[in-house]
Amino acid sequence: MTEPLAYKIVDAAEWREAVAEGAYAGSAVDLADGYIHLSTAGQLDETARKHYAGRANLMLLTVDLAALEDTIVWEPSRGGALFPHIYGPLPVSAVTEATAYSPPPTAEA
């Protein structure tokens, strides 16, 4: 894949802890799966609706994939689409932007 950036939705408190520690270890789901889930720009809204609907106090991280070198693996997920996964912690230095985030409304809203 050639996408230069990917995105991660995180709990704001978890991100504050990561900044203090210098790296983000992942959410409970990431830790259970053994890698940190990221999304491309085109995958972000569906990821947000599916996994973060109704949640508050979220941050959207913009991740520079080039800074992660071989820890990024593109693997099939929803519908066979390739998603970027980080095998290892996400260094805070690889995050180019962190902004407050609200998931888009679900289709029923």
PDB file of N, CA and C in Angstrom:
ATOM      1  N   MET A   1       0.860  -1.194   0.000  1.00  0.00           N
ATOM      2  CA  MET A   1       0.000   0.000   0.000  1.00  0.00           C
ATOM      3  C   MET A   1       0.890   1.236   0.000  1.00  0.00           C
ATOM      4  N   THR A   2       0.329   2.301  -0.512  1.00  0.00           N
ATOM      5  CA  THR A   2       1.126   3.518  -0.611  1.00  0.00           C
ATOM      6  C   THR A   2       0.534   4.679   0.170  1.00  0.00           C
ATOM      7  N   GLU A   3      -0.487   4.426   0.967  1.00  0.00           N
ATOM      8  CA  GLU A   3      -1.091   5.510   1.734  1.00  0.00           C
ATOM      9  C   GLU A   3      -0.062   6.048   2.728  1.00  0.00           C
ATOM     10  N   PRO A   4       0.148   7.361   2.750  1.00  0.00           N
ATOM     11  CA  PRO A   4       1.148   7.909   3.671  1.00  0.00           C
ATOM     12  C   PRO A   4       0.636   8.089   5.101  1.00  0.00           C
ATOM     13  N   LEU A   5      -0.696   8.206   5.246  1.00  0.00           N
ATOM     14  CA  LEU A   5      -1.280   8.481   6.557  1.00  0.00           C
ATOM     15  C   LEU A   5      -2.361   7.462   6.882  1.00  0.00           C
ATOM     16  N   ALA A   6      -2.564   7.220   8.162  1.00  0.00           N
ATOM     17  CA  ALA A   6      -3.679   6.419   8.641  1.00  0.00           C
ATOM     18  C   ALA A   6      -4.216   7.112   9.889  1.00  0.00           C
ATOM     19  N   TYR A   7      -5.326   6.603  10.399  1.00  0.00           N
ATOM     20  CA  TYR A   7      -6.020   7.279  11.495  1.00  0.00           C
ATOM     21  C   TYR A   7      -6.382   6.287  12.590  1.00  0.00           C
ATOM     22  N   LYS A   8      -6.360   6.789  13.814  1.00  0.00           N
ATOM     23  CA  LYS A   8      -6.720   5.989  14.978  1.00  0.00           C
ATOM     24  C   LYS A   8      -7.621   6.823  15.865  1.00  0.00           C
ATOM     25  N   ILE A   9      -8.762   6.266  16.238  1.00  0.00           N
ATOM     26  CA  ILE A   9      -9.667   6.911  17.189  1.00  0.00           C
ATOM     27  C   ILE A   9      -9.323   6.347  18.562  1.00  0.00           C
ATOM     28  N   VAL A  10      -9.084   7.242  19.507  1.00  0.00           N
ATOM     29  CA  VAL A  10      -8.702   6.804  20.861  1.00  0.00           C
ATOM     30  C   VAL A  10      -9.474   7.599  21.907  1.00  0.00           C
ATOM     31  N   ASP A  11      -9.581   7.014  23.065  1.00  0.00           N
ATOM     32  CA  ASP A  11     -10.140   7.712  24.213  1.00  0.00           C
ATOM     33  C   ASP A  11      -9.172   8.831  24.612  1.00  0.00           C
ATOM     34  N   ALA A  12      -9.710  10.010  24.881  1.00  0.00           N
ATOM     35  CA  ALA A  12      -8.856  11.161  25.182  1.00  0.00           C
ATOM     36  C   ALA A  12      -7.962  10.914  26.402  1.00  0.00           C
ATOM     37  N   ALA A  13      -8.483  10.252  27.421  1.00  0.00           N
ATOM     38  CA  ALA A  13      -7.670   9.972  28.614  1.00  0.00           C
ATOM     39  C   ALA A  13      -6.534   9.002  28.280  1.00  0.00           C
ATOM     40  N   GLU A  14      -6.813   7.999  27.432  1.00  0.00           N
ATOM     41  CA  GLU A  14      -5.757   7.066  27.026  1.00  0.00           C
ATOM     42  C   GLU A  14      -4.671   7.802  26.233  1.00  0.00           C
ATOM     43  N   TRP A  15      -5.078   8.765  25.409  1.00  0.00           N
ATOM     44  CA  TRP A  15      -4.089   9.506  24.624  1.00  0.00           C
ATOM     45  C   TRP A  15      -3.225  10.370  25.535  1.00  0.00           C
ATOM     46  N   ARG A  16      -3.818  11.008  26.544  1.00  0.00           N
ATOM     47  CA  ARG A  16      -3.029  11.818  27.489  1.00  0.00           C
ATOM     48  C   ARG A  16      -1.975  10.945  28.175  1.00  0.00           C
ATOM     49  N   GLU A  17      -2.365   9.725  28.559  1.00  0.00           N
ATOM     50  CA  GLU A  17      -1.414   8.801  29.186  1.00  0.00           C
ATOM     51  C   GLU A  17      -0.295   8.444  28.199  1.00  0.00           C
ATOM     52  N   ALA A  18      -0.681   8.205  26.946  1.00  0.00           N
ATOM     53  CA  ALA A  18       0.310   7.834  25.928  1.00  0.00           C
ATOM     54  C   ALA A  18       1.314   8.953  25.710  1.00  0.00           C
ATOM     55  N   VAL A  19       0.827  10.185  25.673  1.00  0.00           N
ATOM     56  CA  VAL A  19       1.726  11.330  25.482  1.00  0.00           C
ATOM     57  C   VAL A  19       2.724  11.397  26.637  1.00  0.00           C
ATOM     58  N   ALA A  20       2.248  11.177  27.845  1.00  0.00           N
ATOM     59  CA  ALA A  20       3.134  11.202  29.010  1.00  0.00           C
ATOM     60  C   ALA A  20       4.174  10.076  28.951  1.00  0.00           C
ATOM     61  N   GLU A  21       3.779   8.919  28.385  1.00  0.00           N
ATOM     62  CA  GLU A  21       4.676   7.765  28.329  1.00  0.00           C
ATOM     63  C   GLU A  21       5.512   7.713  27.048  1.00  0.00           C
ATOM     64  N   GLY A  22       5.113   8.488  26.038  1.00  0.00           N
ATOM     65  CA  GLY A  22       5.859   8.504  24.785  1.00  0.00           C
ATOM     66  C   GLY A  22       5.370   7.518  23.738  1.00  0.00           C
ATOM     67  N   ALA A  23       4.396   6.659  24.107  1.00  0.00           N
ATOM     68  CA  ALA A  23       3.860   5.689  23.150  1.00  0.00           C
ATOM     69  C   ALA A  23       2.471   5.246  23.589  1.00  0.00           C
ATOM     70  N   TYR A  24       1.666   4.859  22.603  1.00  0.00           N
ATOM     71  CA  TYR A  24       0.321   4.342  22.846  1.00  0.00           C
ATOM     72  C   TYR A  24       0.359   2.827  22.668  1.00  0.00           C
ATOM     73  N   ALA A  25       0.005   2.083  23.717  1.00  0.00           N
ATOM     74  CA  ALA A  25       0.052   0.623  23.673  1.00  0.00           C
ATOM     75  C   ALA A  25      -1.160   0.032  22.970  1.00  0.00           C
ATOM     76  N   GLY A  26      -2.264   0.791  22.903  1.00  0.00           N
ATOM     77  CA  GLY A  26      -3.475   0.312  22.254  1.00  0.00           C
ATOM     78  C   GLY A  26      -4.648   0.270  23.199  1.00  0.00           C
ATOM     79  N   SER A  27      -5.840   0.181  22.607  1.00  0.00           N
ATOM     80  CA  SER A  27      -7.074   0.059  23.384  1.00  0.00           C
ATOM     81  C   SER A  27      -7.202  -1.380  23.891  1.00  0.00           C
ATOM     82  N   ALA A  28      -8.231  -1.646  24.674  1.00  0.00           N
ATOM     83  CA  ALA A  28      -8.472  -3.013  25.153  1.00  0.00           C
ATOM     84  C   ALA A  28      -8.656  -3.964  23.970  1.00  0.00           C
ATOM     85  N   VAL A  29      -9.366  -3.523  22.922  1.00  0.00           N
ATOM     86  CA  VAL A  29      -9.572  -4.359  21.728  1.00  0.00           C
ATOM     87  C   VAL A  29      -8.236  -4.602  21.025  1.00  0.00           C
ATOM     88  N   ASP A  30      -7.426  -3.548  20.883  1.00  0.00           N
ATOM     89  CA  ASP A  30      -6.112  -3.700  20.250  1.00  0.00           C
ATOM     90  C   ASP A  30      -5.261  -4.717  21.014  1.00  0.00           C
ATOM     91  N   LEU A  31      -5.224  -4.576  22.318  1.00  0.00           N
ATOM     92  CA  LEU A  31      -4.406  -5.464  23.138  1.00  0.00           C
ATOM     93  C   LEU A  31      -4.886  -6.908  23.020  1.00  0.00           C
ATOM     94  N   ALA A  32      -6.212  -7.096  22.977  1.00  0.00           N
ATOM     95  CA  ALA A  32      -6.761  -8.451  22.835  1.00  0.00           C
ATOM     96  C   ALA A  32      -6.419  -9.044  21.469  1.00  0.00           C
ATOM     97  N   ASP A  33      -6.411  -8.217  20.427  1.00  0.00           N
ATOM     98  CA  ASP A  33      -6.137  -8.697  19.067  1.00  0.00           C
ATOM     99  C   ASP A  33      -4.644  -8.833  18.776  1.00  0.00           C
ATOM    100  N   GLY A  34      -3.798  -8.182  19.566  1.00  0.00           N
ATOM    101  CA  GLY A  34      -2.357  -8.303  19.372  1.00  0.00           C
ATOM    102  C   GLY A  34      -1.759  -7.280  18.426  1.00  0.00           C
ATOM    103  N   TYR A  35      -2.543  -6.291  18.032  1.00  0.00           N
ATOM    104  CA  TYR A  35      -2.049  -5.204  17.182  1.00  0.00           C
ATOM    105  C   TYR A  35      -2.961  -3.997  17.334  1.00  0.00           C
ATOM    106  N   ILE A  36      -2.467  -2.833  16.934  1.00  0.00           N
ATOM    107  CA  ILE A  36      -3.257  -1.606  16.991  1.00  0.00           C
ATOM    108  C   ILE A  36      -3.954  -1.417  15.647  1.00  0.00           C
ATOM    109  N   HIS A  37      -5.268  -1.310  15.714  1.00  0.00           N
ATOM    110  CA  HIS A  37      -6.092  -1.107  14.525  1.00  0.00           C
ATOM    111  C   HIS A  37      -6.001   0.343  14.058  1.00  0.00           C
ATOM    112  N   LEU A  38      -5.730   0.543  12.791  1.00  0.00           N
ATOM    113  CA  LEU A  38      -5.789   1.871  12.169  1.00  0.00           C
ATOM    114  C   LEU A  38      -6.763   1.793  10.998  1.00  0.00           C
ATOM    115  N   SER A  39      -7.154   2.949  10.483  1.00  0.00           N
ATOM    116  CA  SER A  39      -8.012   3.031   9.306  1.00  0.00           C
ATOM    117  C   SER A  39      -7.430   4.038   8.338  1.00  0.00           C
ATOM    118  N   THR A  40      -7.701   3.826   7.050  1.00  0.00           N
ATOM    119  CA  THR A  40      -7.359   4.845   6.056  1.00  0.00           C
ATOM    120  C   THR A  40      -8.442   5.917   6.101  1.00  0.00           C
ATOM    121  N   ALA A  41      -8.235   7.007   5.383  1.00  0.00           N
ATOM    122  CA  ALA A  41      -9.236   8.080   5.337  1.00  0.00           C
ATOM    123  C   ALA A  41     -10.574   7.533   4.840  1.00  0.00           C
ATOM    124  N   GLY A  42     -10.549   6.672   3.841  1.00  0.00           N
ATOM    125  CA  GLY A  42     -11.771   6.123   3.280  1.00  0.00           C
ATOM    126  C   GLY A  42     -12.480   5.130   4.187  1.00  0.00           C
ATOM    127  N   GLN A  43     -11.785   4.574   5.151  1.00  0.00           N
ATOM    128  CA  GLN A  43     -12.354   3.584   6.077  1.00  0.00           C
ATOM    129  C   GLN A  43     -12.808   4.199   7.394  1.00  0.00           C
ATOM    130  N   LEU A  44     -12.405   5.435   7.649  1.00  0.00           N
ATOM    131  CA  LEU A  44     -12.572   6.044   8.970  1.00  0.00           C
ATOM    132  C   LEU A  44     -14.025   6.165   9.408  1.00  0.00           C
ATOM    133  N   ASP A  45     -14.908   6.692   8.556  1.00  0.00           N
ATOM    134  CA  ASP A  45     -16.296   6.891   8.983  1.00  0.00           C
ATOM    135  C   ASP A  45     -16.968   5.576   9.357  1.00  0.00           C
ATOM    136  N   GLU A  46     -16.760   4.533   8.562  1.00  0.00           N
ATOM    137  CA  GLU A  46     -17.375   3.239   8.875  1.00  0.00           C
ATOM    138  C   GLU A  46     -16.813   2.665  10.174  1.00  0.00           C
ATOM    139  N   THR A  47     -15.510   2.801  10.377  1.00  0.00           N
ATOM    140  CA  THR A  47     -14.902   2.345  11.629  1.00  0.00           C
ATOM    141  C   THR A  47     -15.515   3.089  12.811  1.00  0.00           C
ATOM    142  N   ALA A  48     -15.663   4.400  12.673  1.00  0.00           N
ATOM    143  CA  ALA A  48     -16.228   5.207  13.758  1.00  0.00           C
ATOM    144  C   ALA A  48     -17.666   4.798  14.059  1.00  0.00           C
ATOM    145  N   ARG A  49     -18.473   4.621  13.015  1.00  0.00           N
ATOM    146  CA  ARG A  49     -19.869   4.220  13.224  1.00  0.00           C
ATOM    147  C   ARG A  49     -19.959   2.834  13.866  1.00  0.00           C
ATOM    148  N   LYS A  50     -19.121   1.924  13.419  1.00  0.00           N
ATOM    149  CA  LYS A  50     -19.190   0.539  13.888  1.00  0.00           C
ATOM    150  C   LYS A  50     -18.673   0.378  15.316  1.00  0.00           C
ATOM    151  N   HIS A  51     -17.608   1.083  15.665  1.00  0.00           N
ATOM    152  CA  HIS A  51     -16.937   0.828  16.943  1.00  0.00           C
ATOM    153  C   HIS A  51     -17.028   1.964  17.971  1.00  0.00           C
ATOM    154  N   TYR A  52     -17.416   3.176  17.549  1.00  0.00           N
ATOM    155  CA  TYR A  52     -17.362   4.314  18.473  1.00  0.00           C
ATOM    156  C   TYR A  52     -18.662   5.106  18.558  1.00  0.00           C
ATOM    157  N   ALA A  53     -19.746   4.600  17.968  1.00  0.00           N
ATOM    158  CA  ALA A  53     -21.030   5.313  17.978  1.00  0.00           C
ATOM    159  C   ALA A  53     -21.454   5.620  19.416  1.00  0.00           C
ATOM    160  N   GLY A  54     -21.859   6.855  19.629  1.00  0.00           N
ATOM    161  CA  GLY A  54     -22.354   7.258  20.936  1.00  0.00           C
ATOM    162  C   GLY A  54     -21.282   7.539  21.973  1.00  0.00           C
ATOM    163  N   ARG A  55     -20.025   7.370  21.617  1.00  0.00           N
ATOM    164  CA  ARG A  55     -18.938   7.616  22.580  1.00  0.00           C
ATOM    165  C   ARG A  55     -18.556   9.093  22.567  1.00  0.00           C
ATOM    166  N   ALA A  56     -18.127   9.571  23.703  1.00  0.00           N
ATOM    167  CA  ALA A  56     -17.657  10.951  23.840  1.00  0.00           C
ATOM    168  C   ALA A  56     -16.207  10.917  24.303  1.00  0.00           C
ATOM    169  N   ASN A  57     -15.593  12.089  24.388  1.00  0.00           N
ATOM    170  CA  ASN A  57     -14.204  12.213  24.861  1.00  0.00           C
ATOM    171  C   ASN A  57     -13.236  11.400  24.012  1.00  0.00           C
ATOM    172  N   LEU A  58     -13.373  11.532  22.692  1.00  0.00           N
ATOM    173  CA  LEU A  58     -12.502  10.815  21.767  1.00  0.00           C
ATOM    174  C   LEU A  58     -11.532  11.769  21.090  1.00  0.00           C
ATOM    175  N   MET A  59     -10.430  11.210  20.635  1.00  0.00           N
ATOM    176  CA  MET A  59      -9.432  11.946  19.859  1.00  0.00           C
ATOM    177  C   MET A  59      -9.232  11.212  18.536  1.00  0.00           C
ATOM    178  N   LEU A  60      -8.949  11.971  17.496  1.00  0.00           N
ATOM    179  CA  LEU A  60      -8.583  11.385  16.216  1.00  0.00           C
ATOM    180  C   LEU A  60      -7.106  11.655  16.002  1.00  0.00           C
ATOM    181  N   LEU A  61      -6.340  10.576  15.860  1.00  0.00           N
ATOM    182  CA  LEU A  61      -4.902  10.689  15.645  1.00  0.00           C
ATOM    183  C   LEU A  61      -4.602  10.508  14.160  1.00  0.00           C
ATOM    184  N   THR A  62      -3.785  11.387  13.620  1.00  0.00           N
ATOM    185  CA  THR A  62      -3.269  11.227  12.268  1.00  0.00           C
ATOM    186  C   THR A  62      -1.881  10.635  12.404  1.00  0.00           C
ATOM    187  N   VAL A  63      -1.676   9.474  11.783  1.00  0.00           N
ATOM    188  CA  VAL A  63      -0.444   8.708  11.969  1.00  0.00           C
ATOM    189  C   VAL A  63       0.362   8.703  10.668  1.00  0.00           C
ATOM    190  N   ASP A  64       1.635   9.082  10.767  1.00  0.00           N
ATOM    191  CA  ASP A  64       2.567   9.047   9.637  1.00  0.00           C
ATOM    192  C   ASP A  64       3.087   7.616   9.519  1.00  0.00           C
ATOM    193  N   LEU A  65       2.599   6.884   8.510  1.00  0.00           N
ATOM    194  CA  LEU A  65       2.965   5.474   8.389  1.00  0.00           C
ATOM    195  C   LEU A  65       4.444   5.269   8.098  1.00  0.00           C
ATOM    196  N   ALA A  66       5.068   6.202   7.402  1.00  0.00           N
ATOM    197  CA  ALA A  66       6.494   6.069   7.096  1.00  0.00           C
ATOM    198  C   ALA A  66       7.323   6.033   8.379  1.00  0.00           C
ATOM    199  N   ALA A  67       6.866   6.697   9.416  1.00  0.00           N
ATOM    200  CA  ALA A  67       7.603   6.733  10.681  1.00  0.00           C
ATOM    201  C   ALA A  67       7.552   5.396  11.416  1.00  0.00           C
ATOM    202  N   LEU A  68       6.658   4.494  10.987  1.00  0.00           N
ATOM    203  CA  LEU A  68       6.488   3.227  11.688  1.00  0.00           C
ATOM    204  C   LEU A  68       7.242   2.065  11.055  1.00  0.00           C
ATOM    205  N   GLU A  69       7.780   2.289   9.864  1.00  0.00           N
ATOM    206  CA  GLU A  69       8.596   1.292   9.166  1.00  0.00           C
ATOM    207  C   GLU A  69       7.937  -0.077   9.132  1.00  0.00           C
ATOM    208  N   ASP A  70       8.645  -1.141   9.615  1.00  0.00           N
ATOM    209  CA  ASP A  70       8.111  -2.501   9.461  1.00  0.00           C
ATOM    210  C   ASP A  70       7.079  -2.894  10.503  1.00  0.00           C
ATOM    211  N   THR A  71       6.666  -2.009  11.388  1.00  0.00           N
ATOM    212  CA  THR A  71       5.637  -2.395  12.355  1.00  0.00           C
ATOM    213  C   THR A  71       4.243  -2.331  11.731  1.00  0.00           C
ATOM    214  N   ILE A  72       4.118  -1.744  10.527  1.00  0.00           N
ATOM    215  CA  ILE A  72       2.823  -1.665   9.830  1.00  0.00           C
ATOM    216  C   ILE A  72       2.656  -2.880   8.933  1.00  0.00           C
ATOM    217  N   VAL A  73       1.516  -3.534   9.075  1.00  0.00           N
ATOM    218  CA  VAL A  73       1.157  -4.642   8.194  1.00  0.00           C
ATOM    219  C   VAL A  73      -0.244  -4.359   7.665  1.00  0.00           C
ATOM    220  N   TRP A  74      -0.418  -4.438   6.343  1.00  0.00           N
ATOM    221  CA  TRP A  74      -1.731  -4.250   5.716  1.00  0.00           C
ATOM    222  C   TRP A  74      -2.403  -5.613   5.646  1.00  0.00           C
ATOM    223  N   GLU A  75      -3.554  -5.725   6.331  1.00  0.00           N
ATOM    224  CA  GLU A  75      -4.233  -7.016   6.407  1.00  0.00           C
ATOM    225  C   GLU A  75      -5.709  -6.871   6.069  1.00  0.00           C
ATOM    226  N   PRO A  76      -6.290  -7.927   5.458  1.00  0.00           N
ATOM    227  CA  PRO A  76      -7.715  -7.856   5.110  1.00  0.00           C
ATOM    228  C   PRO A  76      -8.589  -7.862   6.348  1.00  0.00           C
ATOM    229  N   SER A  77      -9.662  -7.072   6.284  1.00  0.00           N
ATOM    230  CA  SER A  77     -10.637  -7.027   7.367  1.00  0.00           C
ATOM    231  C   SER A  77     -12.009  -6.908   6.725  1.00  0.00           C
ATOM    232  N   ARG A  78     -12.812  -5.918   7.145  1.00  0.00           N
ATOM    233  CA  ARG A  78     -14.183  -5.762   6.637  1.00  0.00           C
ATOM    234  C   ARG A  78     -14.256  -5.919   5.125  1.00  0.00           C
ATOM    235  N   GLY A  79     -14.987  -6.893   4.671  1.00  0.00           N
ATOM    236  CA  GLY A  79     -15.211  -7.072   3.245  1.00  0.00           C
ATOM    237  C   GLY A  79     -13.944  -7.330   2.449  1.00  0.00           C
ATOM    238  N   GLY A  80     -12.875  -7.754   3.107  1.00  0.00           N
ATOM    239  CA  GLY A  80     -11.628  -8.027   2.410  1.00  0.00           C
ATOM    240  C   GLY A  80     -10.765  -6.796   2.178  1.00  0.00           C
ATOM    241  N   ALA A  81     -11.240  -5.612   2.609  1.00  0.00           N
ATOM    242  CA  ALA A  81     -10.440  -4.393   2.451  1.00  0.00           C
ATOM    243  C   ALA A  81      -9.191  -4.486   3.313  1.00  0.00           C
ATOM    244  N   LEU A  82      -8.086  -3.957   2.805  1.00  0.00           N
ATOM    245  CA  LEU A  82      -6.839  -3.964   3.568  1.00  0.00           C
ATOM    246  C   LEU A  82      -6.809  -2.804   4.557  1.00  0.00           C
ATOM    247  N   PHE A  83      -6.518  -3.130   5.795  1.00  0.00           N
ATOM    248  CA  PHE A  83      -6.411  -2.134   6.864  1.00  0.00           C
ATOM    249  C   PHE A  83      -4.986  -2.134   7.390  1.00  0.00           C
ATOM    250  N   PRO A  84      -4.470  -0.951   7.765  1.00  0.00           N
ATOM    251  CA  PRO A  84      -3.142  -0.897   8.379  1.00  0.00           C
ATOM    252  C   PRO A  84      -3.214  -1.275   9.861  1.00  0.00           C
ATOM    253  N   HIS A  85      -2.365  -2.194  10.258  1.00  0.00           N
ATOM    254  CA  HIS A  85      -2.278  -2.618  11.653  1.00  0.00           C
ATOM    255  C   HIS A  85      -0.845  -2.412  12.140  1.00  0.00           C
ATOM    256  N   ILE A  86      -0.713  -1.935  13.370  1.00  0.00           N
ATOM    257  CA  ILE A  86       0.610  -1.727  13.965  1.00  0.00           C
ATOM    258  C   ILE A  86       0.900  -2.889  14.905  1.00  0.00           C
ATOM    259  N   TYR A  87       1.983  -3.585  14.640  1.00  0.00           N
ATOM    260  CA  TYR A  87       2.437  -4.652  15.534  1.00  0.00           C
ATOM    261  C   TYR A  87       3.514  -4.059  16.425  1.00  0.00           C
ATOM    262  N   GLY A  88       3.077  -3.584  17.579  1.00  0.00           N
ATOM    263  CA  GLY A  88       3.957  -2.890  18.508  1.00  0.00           C
ATOM    264  C   GLY A  88       3.262  -1.618  18.959  1.00  0.00           C
ATOM    265  N   PRO A  89       3.879  -0.865  19.842  1.00  0.00           N
ATOM    266  CA  PRO A  89       3.273   0.383  20.306  1.00  0.00           C
ATOM    267  C   PRO A  89       3.320   1.458  19.220  1.00  0.00           C
ATOM    268  N   LEU A  90       2.425   2.418  19.330  1.00  0.00           N
ATOM    269  CA  LEU A  90       2.400   3.579  18.437  1.00  0.00           C
ATOM    270  C   LEU A  90       3.201   4.692  19.114  1.00  0.00           C
ATOM    271  N   PRO A  91       4.387   5.022  18.592  1.00  0.00           N
ATOM    272  CA  PRO A  91       5.158   6.109  19.194  1.00  0.00           C
ATOM    273  C   PRO A  91       4.424   7.440  19.008  1.00  0.00           C
ATOM    274  N   VAL A  92       4.385   8.226  20.050  1.00  0.00           N
ATOM    275  CA  VAL A  92       3.742   9.536  19.968  1.00  0.00           C
ATOM    276  C   VAL A  92       4.383  10.365  18.849  1.00  0.00           C
ATOM    277  N   SER A  93       5.661  10.164  18.601  1.00  0.00           N
ATOM    278  CA  SER A  93       6.366  10.926  17.567  1.00  0.00           C
ATOM    279  C   SER A  93       5.854  10.636  16.158  1.00  0.00           C
ATOM    280  N   ALA A  94       5.140   9.529  15.953  1.00  0.00           N
ATOM    281  CA  ALA A  94       4.588   9.195  14.629  1.00  0.00           C
ATOM    282  C   ALA A  94       3.216   9.836  14.402  1.00  0.00           C
ATOM    283  N   VAL A  95       2.667  10.464  15.435  1.00  0.00           N
ATOM    284  CA  VAL A  95       1.359  11.113  15.324  1.00  0.00           C
ATOM    285  C   VAL A  95       1.576  12.573  14.937  1.00  0.00           C
ATOM    286  N   THR A  96       1.075  12.929  13.754  1.00  0.00           N
ATOM    287  CA  THR A  96       1.293  14.291  13.262  1.00  0.00           C
ATOM    288  C   THR A  96       0.212  15.260  13.712  1.00  0.00           C
ATOM    289  N   GLU A  97      -0.933  14.724  14.118  1.00  0.00           N
ATOM    290  CA  GLU A  97      -2.022  15.580  14.586  1.00  0.00           C
ATOM    291  C   GLU A  97      -2.915  14.781  15.510  1.00  0.00           C
ATOM    292  N   ALA A  98      -3.413  15.416  16.574  1.00  0.00           N
ATOM    293  CA  ALA A  98      -4.369  14.801  17.492  1.00  0.00           C
ATOM    294  C   ALA A  98      -5.443  15.844  17.778  1.00  0.00           C
ATOM    295  N   THR A  99      -6.675  15.542  17.366  1.00  0.00           N
ATOM    296  CA  THR A  99      -7.773  16.500  17.517  1.00  0.00           C
ATOM    297  C   THR A  99      -8.972  15.846  18.170  1.00  0.00           C
ATOM    298  N   ALA A 100      -9.783  16.657  18.848  1.00  0.00           N
ATOM    299  CA  ALA A 100     -11.023  16.142  19.433  1.00  0.00           C
ATOM    300  C   ALA A 100     -11.877  15.582  18.305  1.00  0.00           C
ATOM    301  N   TYR A 101     -12.614  14.510  18.590  1.00  0.00           N
ATOM    302  CA  TYR A 101     -13.338  13.817  17.535  1.00  0.00           C
ATOM    303  C   TYR A 101     -14.699  13.344  18.029  1.00  0.00           C
ATOM    304  N   SER A 102     -15.701  13.491  17.172  1.00  0.00           N
ATOM    305  CA  SER A 102     -17.032  12.939  17.424  1.00  0.00           C
ATOM    306  C   SER A 102     -17.377  12.046  16.248  1.00  0.00           C
ATOM    307  N   PRO A 103     -17.796  10.800  16.505  1.00  0.00           N
ATOM    308  CA  PRO A 103     -18.156   9.911  15.408  1.00  0.00           C
ATOM    309  C   PRO A 103     -19.327  10.471  14.605  1.00  0.00           C
ATOM    310  N   PRO A 104     -19.378  10.166  13.298  1.00  0.00           N
ATOM    311  CA  PRO A 104     -20.535  10.603  12.508  1.00  0.00           C
ATOM    312  C   PRO A 104     -21.790   9.895  12.999  1.00  0.00           C
ATOM    313  N   PRO A 105     -22.955  10.482  12.756  1.00  0.00           N
ATOM    314  CA  PRO A 105     -24.188   9.821  13.202  1.00  0.00           C
ATOM    315  C   PRO A 105     -24.375   8.480  12.502  1.00  0.00           C
ATOM    316  N   THR A 106     -25.034   7.564  13.196  1.00  0.00           N
ATOM    317  CA  THR A 106     -25.319   6.274  12.583  1.00  0.00           C
ATOM    318  C   THR A 106     -26.454   6.435  11.583  1.00  0.00           C
ATOM    319  N   ALA A 107     -26.653   5.451  10.743  1.00  0.00           N
ATOM    320  CA  ALA A 107     -27.670   5.513   9.687  1.00  0.00           C
ATOM    321  C   ALA A 107     -29.063   5.676  10.276  1.00  0.00           C
ATOM    322  N   GLU A 108     -29.299   5.143  11.480  1.00  0.00           N
ATOM    323  CA  GLU A 108     -30.628   5.245  12.098  1.00  0.00           C
ATOM    324  C   GLU A 108     -30.905   6.631  12.659  1.00  0.00           C
ATOM    325  N   ALA A 109     -29.871   7.421  12.886  1.00  0.00           N
ATOM    326  CA  ALA A 109     -30.047   8.732  13.549  1.00  0.00           C
ATOM    327  C   ALA A 109     -30.736   9.719  12.634  1.00  0.00           C
TER     328      ALA A 109
END
